């Protein structure tokens, strides 16, 4: 990002997609550590969406 990569928006969008996917999959599991992981993924996804210039989901 600091070097102005031409692909940064796509990279951030892909990271957001991955975090959203991991959060959804973790939320399906009942174990507390999986639920904690999902709670950790959500803010990460939101930040990546923001950096990609996307609306948060």
Protein backbone atom coordinates (compact mmCIF):
# COMPACT_ATOMS: atom_id res chain seq x y z
CA UNK A 1 0.00 0.00 0.00
CA UNK A 2 2.77 2.42 0.87
CA UNK A 3 4.29 2.00 -2.59
CA UNK A 4 1.03 2.64 -4.41
CA UNK A 5 0.54 -0.82 -5.89
CA UNK A 6 -1.85 -0.85 -8.83
CA UNK A 7 -3.40 -4.02 -7.43
CA UNK A 8 -3.99 -2.93 -3.84
CA UNK A 9 -7.77 -2.61 -4.18
CA UNK A 10 -8.01 -6.12 -5.59
CA UNK A 11 -5.73 -7.50 -2.87
CA UNK A 12 -7.79 -5.84 -0.12
CA UNK A 13 -11.02 -7.07 -1.72
CA UNK A 14 -9.67 -10.62 -1.81
CA UNK A 15 -8.58 -10.39 1.84
CA UNK A 16 -12.06 -9.13 2.76
CA UNK A 17 -13.66 -12.01 0.88
CA UNK A 18 -11.42 -14.52 2.67
CA UNK A 19 -12.16 -13.05 6.11
CA UNK A 20 -15.90 -13.05 5.40
CA UNK A 21 -15.74 -16.68 4.29
CA UNK A 22 -13.72 -17.77 7.33
CA UNK A 23 -16.09 -15.92 9.65
CA UNK A 24 -19.18 -17.53 8.08
CA UNK A 25 -17.67 -21.00 8.23
CA UNK A 26 -16.47 -20.53 11.82
CA UNK A 27 -19.90 -19.27 12.90
CA UNK A 28 -21.40 -22.59 11.80
CA UNK A 29 -19.36 -24.44 14.43
CA UNK A 30 -20.37 -24.54 18.08
CA UNK A 31 -16.94 -24.60 19.68
CA UNK A 32 -16.11 -21.40 21.54
CA UNK A 33 -12.70 -21.11 19.89
CA UNK A 34 -14.44 -21.18 16.49
CA UNK A 35 -16.91 -18.52 17.60
CA UNK A 36 -14.02 -16.39 18.91
CA UNK A 37 -12.26 -16.79 15.57
CA UNK A 38 -15.40 -15.64 13.75
CA UNK A 39 -15.61 -12.58 15.99
CA UNK A 40 -11.99 -11.80 15.15
CA UNK A 41 -12.54 -12.20 11.40
CA UNK A 42 -15.45 -9.75 11.20
CA UNK A 43 -13.52 -6.56 12.08
CA UNK A 44 -10.67 -7.66 9.83
CA UNK A 45 -13.10 -8.13 6.94
CA UNK A 46 -14.64 -4.72 7.58
CA UNK A 47 -11.23 -3.05 7.53
CA UNK A 48 -10.27 -4.82 4.32
CA UNK A 49 -13.57 -3.78 2.73
CA UNK A 50 -12.84 -0.21 3.78
CA UNK A 51 -9.34 -0.27 2.34
CA UNK A 52 -10.67 -1.73 -0.91
CA UNK A 53 -13.17 1.12 -1.16
CA UNK A 54 -16.09 -1.25 -0.78
CA UNK A 55 -19.19 -1.02 1.37
CA UNK A 56 -18.95 -3.19 4.48
CA UNK A 57 -21.15 -6.24 4.75
